[in-house]
Amino acid sequence: MTCSNSLLKTQSILRQQLRLKRRELPSTTQTHHAQCVTHYILNAPFYKQAKSIALYLSADGEIELSLLINQIHEQGKQCYLPVILSKKKGLMGFAPYTEQTALIKNCFGIFEPIYQEKELRTADQIEVILAPLVAFDEQRHRMGMGGGYYDRALQHLAINTTQSRHLKPLFVGIAHELQCVKTLPVQTWDIALNAIITEQRLTLF
């Protein structure tokens, strides 16, 4: 087996294990984690200062952010959700999401906003992106579902670390603490997190 195939197999096994763990969390635990994560976000300076925030509609045991979405709408901030632009090319954009926005299932069976082309935003036009993940480590690395959509959308951040700190958006991973691992295999195109939020902490890197 080549190193590349071995890496893919390792990632696949880890992805399956952690997805199962988060799906198995009792509903009461899920609710508690969602409340804790929402509390951390609402009190974070980067959230208070931001006018535009992209996040996600939870699935597969991910942290639920509906409480946060309600607050974003009430506070008059701009709320965006990811939309798949091309499954073949792995391209993703961000569409506005209000209380009146209609939703439709995308190619992965995940709900996304129905939008007009002129409403679409790229990642660098948004101040904060709250992204789900399957695993993370303390070196800022994130493992997603394997499609690479966020990495492609955030490629403008793939420069030296000092400079990337001053570019939009702030890339924040949202997860259960049980999704933390000692170290993750890293690819050259992987975009590192600026922060991680779990039910136990908010860590700015």
Protein backbone atom coordinates (compact mmCIF):
# COMPACT_ATOMS: atom_id res chain seq x y z
CA MET A 1 0.00 0.00 0.00
CA THR A 2 1.39 3.44 -0.91
CA CYS A 3 1.75 6.22 1.67
CA SER A 4 -1.08 8.12 -0.02
CA ASN A 5 -3.45 5.15 0.16
CA SER A 6 -2.44 4.45 3.74
CA LEU A 7 -3.17 8.06 4.70
CA LEU A 8 -6.58 7.94 3.05
CA LYS A 9 -7.43 4.71 4.86
CA THR A 10 -6.36 6.20 8.21
CA GLN A 11 -8.47 9.29 7.59
CA SER A 12 -11.46 7.21 6.54
CA ILE A 13 -11.33 5.05 9.68
CA LEU A 14 -10.95 8.08 11.97
CA ARG A 15 -13.80 9.87 10.18
CA GLN A 16 -16.12 6.88 10.62
CA GLN A 17 -15.26 6.47 14.30
CA LEU A 18 -15.81 10.10 15.24
CA ARG A 19 -18.97 10.51 13.21
CA LEU A 20 -20.39 7.51 15.04
CA LYS A 21 -19.37 8.91 18.43
CA ARG A 22 -21.10 12.24 17.89
CA ARG A 23 -24.23 10.60 16.48
CA GLU A 24 -24.46 8.40 19.58
CA LEU A 25 -24.57 11.37 21.97
CA PRO A 26 -27.94 11.47 23.80
CA SER A 27 -30.29 14.28 22.78
CA THR A 28 -29.97 15.87 26.23
CA THR A 29 -26.18 15.97 25.82
CA GLN A 30 -26.50 17.40 22.33
CA THR A 31 -28.78 20.14 23.63
CA HIS A 32 -26.39 20.97 26.48
CA HIS A 33 -23.41 21.14 24.11
CA ALA A 34 -25.34 23.41 21.73
CA GLN A 35 -26.20 25.78 24.57
CA CYS A 36 -22.58 25.92 25.78
CA VAL A 37 -21.16 26.51 22.31
CA THR A 38 -23.75 29.22 21.60
CA HIS A 39 -22.83 30.93 24.88
CA TYR A 40 -19.13 30.97 23.96
CA ILE A 41 -19.85 32.38 20.51
CA LEU A 42 -22.23 35.13 21.68
CA ASN A 43 -19.65 36.34 24.20
CA ALA A 44 -16.66 36.19 21.86
CA PRO A 45 -15.28 39.60 20.80
CA PHE A 46 -14.99 38.44 17.19
CA TYR A 47 -18.72 37.66 17.13
CA LYS A 48 -19.73 40.95 18.75
CA GLN A 49 -17.66 42.91 16.22
CA ALA A 50 -18.75 40.96 13.13
CA LYS A 51 -21.57 42.13 10.90
CA SER A 52 -21.53 39.09 8.58
CA ILE A 53 -21.39 35.50 9.80
CA ALA A 54 -21.60 32.22 7.90
CA LEU A 55 -22.53 29.02 9.68
CA TYR A 56 -24.32 25.76 8.91
CA LEU A 57 -27.49 23.75 9.49
CA SER A 58 -26.48 20.76 11.60
CA ALA A 59 -26.63 17.15 10.46
CA ASP A 60 -25.03 13.84 11.40
CA GLY A 61 -24.56 14.73 15.08
CA GLU A 62 -22.94 18.13 14.48
CA ILE A 63 -23.37 20.89 17.06
CA GLU A 64 -26.80 22.48 16.60
CA LEU A 65 -26.66 26.25 16.01
CA SER A 66 -30.34 27.19 15.71
CA LEU A 67 -30.18 29.24 18.94
CA LEU A 68 -27.29 31.22 17.49
CA ILE A 69 -29.09 31.74 14.18
CA ASN A 70 -32.03 33.25 16.05
CA GLN A 71 -29.69 35.65 17.85
CA ILE A 72 -27.96 36.66 14.62
CA HIS A 73 -31.32 37.54 13.09
CA GLU A 74 -32.48 39.42 16.20
CA GLN A 75 -29.25 41.42 16.36
CA GLY A 76 -29.49 42.48 12.72
CA LYS A 77 -26.29 40.76 11.62
CA GLN A 78 -26.03 39.23 8.14
CA CYS A 79 -26.38 35.45 8.25
CA TYR A 80 -25.09 33.15 5.49
CA LEU A 81 -25.19 29.42 4.81
CA PRO A 82 -22.90 27.41 2.50
CA VAL A 83 -24.28 26.41 -0.89
CA ILE A 84 -22.79 23.89 -3.32
CA LEU A 85 -21.95 25.58 -6.62
CA SER A 86 -20.32 22.59 -8.29
CA LYS A 87 -20.06 19.08 -6.88
CA LYS A 88 -17.72 18.06 -9.72
CA LYS A 89 -15.26 20.88 -8.97
CA GLY A 90 -15.89 20.92 -5.23
CA LEU A 91 -16.91 24.59 -5.23
CA MET A 92 -18.92 26.30 -2.52
CA GLY A 93 -20.31 29.79 -2.02
CA PHE A 94 -22.39 31.46 0.68
CA ALA A 95 -26.01 32.59 0.36
CA PRO A 96 -27.99 34.83 2.72
CA TYR A 97 -30.30 33.18 5.22
CA THR A 98 -33.13 35.12 6.85
CA GLU A 99 -36.22 33.99 8.73
CA GLN A 100 -38.13 34.10 5.43
CA THR A 101 -35.57 32.23 3.30
CA ALA A 102 -36.85 29.08 1.61
CA LEU A 103 -34.61 26.01 1.75
CA ILE A 104 -33.96 23.16 -0.64
CA LYS A 105 -31.88 19.98 -0.28
CA ASN A 106 -28.56 19.98 -2.15
CA CYS A 107 -26.76 17.04 -3.77
CA PHE A 108 -25.74 15.73 -0.32
CA GLY A 109 -29.26 15.91 1.11
CA ILE A 110 -28.39 18.97 3.22
CA PHE A 111 -30.71 21.98 3.26
CA GLU A 112 -29.37 25.18 1.74
CA PRO A 113 -30.99 28.54 0.87
CA ILE A 114 -32.71 29.24 -2.42
CA TYR A 115 -30.87 32.31 -3.70
CA GLN A 116 -30.35 34.71 -6.57
CA GLU A 117 -26.92 34.86 -8.19
CA LYS A 118 -26.35 38.48 -7.14
CA GLU A 119 -26.82 37.50 -3.47
CA LEU A 120 -23.94 35.01 -3.42
CA ARG A 121 -20.83 35.84 -1.42
CA THR A 122 -17.34 34.38 -1.45
CA ALA A 123 -15.55 33.50 1.78
CA ASP A 124 -13.40 36.65 1.73
CA GLN A 125 -16.56 38.79 1.75
CA ILE A 126 -17.63 37.35 5.13
CA GLU A 127 -16.10 38.27 8.48
CA VAL A 128 -16.58 35.02 10.42
CA ILE A 129 -17.16 31.48 9.18
CA LEU A 130 -18.30 28.90 11.73
CA ALA A 131 -17.60 25.51 10.19
CA PRO A 132 -18.54 22.00 11.29
CA LEU A 133 -15.84 19.34 11.40
CA VAL A 134 -15.28 15.68 12.07
CA ALA A 135 -11.98 16.02 13.97
CA PHE A 136 -9.50 18.65 15.10
CA ASP A 137 -6.16 18.83 16.91
CA GLU A 138 -4.35 21.46 18.97
CA GLN A 139 -2.17 22.44 16.00
CA ARG A 140 -5.13 24.19 14.28
CA HIS A 141 -5.82 21.31 11.89
CA ARG A 142 -9.35 20.33 10.90
CA MET A 143 -10.74 17.19 9.28
CA GLY A 144 -14.03 17.63 7.45
CA MET A 145 -16.20 15.21 5.52
CA GLY A 146 -13.57 14.79 2.83
CA GLY A 147 -14.98 16.96 0.04
CA GLY A 148 -12.52 19.82 0.52
CA TYR A 149 -15.19 22.50 0.02
CA TYR A 150 -14.04 24.78 2.84
CA ASP A 151 -10.38 24.39 1.88
CA ARG A 152 -11.11 25.52 -1.68
CA ALA A 153 -13.33 28.38 -0.54
CA LEU A 154 -10.58 29.61 1.80
CA GLN A 155 -7.55 29.19 -0.42
CA HIS A 156 -6.80 32.91 -0.19
CA LEU A 157 -5.76 32.17 3.41
CA ALA A 158 -3.15 29.64 2.26
CA ILE A 159 -0.27 32.08 2.67
CA ASN A 160 2.09 32.75 5.56
CA THR A 161 0.44 32.61 8.97
CA THR A 162 1.26 36.19 9.95
CA GLN A 163 -0.42 37.67 6.93
CA SER A 164 -3.44 35.35 7.01
CA ARG A 165 -4.37 36.63 10.47
CA HIS A 166 -5.34 39.94 8.92
CA LEU A 167 -7.51 38.52 6.16
CA LYS A 168 -11.22 37.73 6.19
CA PRO A 169 -12.79 35.54 7.30
CA LEU A 170 -11.93 34.32 10.76
CA PHE A 171 -12.18 30.54 10.30
CA VAL A 172 -13.71 28.93 13.40
CA GLY A 173 -14.25 25.20 13.91
CA ILE A 174 -17.32 24.02 15.85
CA ALA A 175 -17.22 20.58 17.47
CA HIS A 176 -17.86 18.37 20.45
CA GLU A 177 -14.78 18.06 22.67
CA LEU A 178 -14.75 14.30 21.98
CA GLN A 179 -13.74 15.14 18.40
CA CYS A 180 -10.34 16.38 19.56
CA VAL A 181 -7.46 14.08 18.60
CA LYS A 182 -3.74 14.22 19.37
CA THR A 183 -2.68 14.91 15.82
CA LEU A 184 -4.21 14.86 12.35
CA PRO A 185 -2.59 14.00 9.02
CA VAL A 186 -2.20 17.22 7.03
CA GLN A 187 -2.35 17.88 3.30
CA THR A 188 -0.68 20.90 1.67
CA TRP A 189 -4.05 22.38 0.69
CA ASP A 190 -5.60 22.14 4.18
CA ILE A 191 -6.59 25.49 5.69
CA ALA A 192 -5.81 25.85 9.39
CA LEU A 193 -8.38 27.05 11.92
CA ASN A 194 -8.14 30.44 13.63
CA ALA A 195 -10.19 29.17 16.57
CA ILE A 196 -12.03 26.14 17.89
CA ILE A 197 -15.18 26.13 20.02
CA THR A 198 -16.52 23.09 21.89
CA GLU A 199 -18.89 22.73 24.83
CA GLN A 200 -15.82 23.05 27.10
CA ARG A 201 -13.88 25.96 25.65
CA LEU A 202 -13.15 28.64 23.10
CA THR A 203 -9.54 28.46 21.93
CA LEU A 204 -8.04 31.19 19.75
CA PHE A 205 -4.90 30.04 17.98
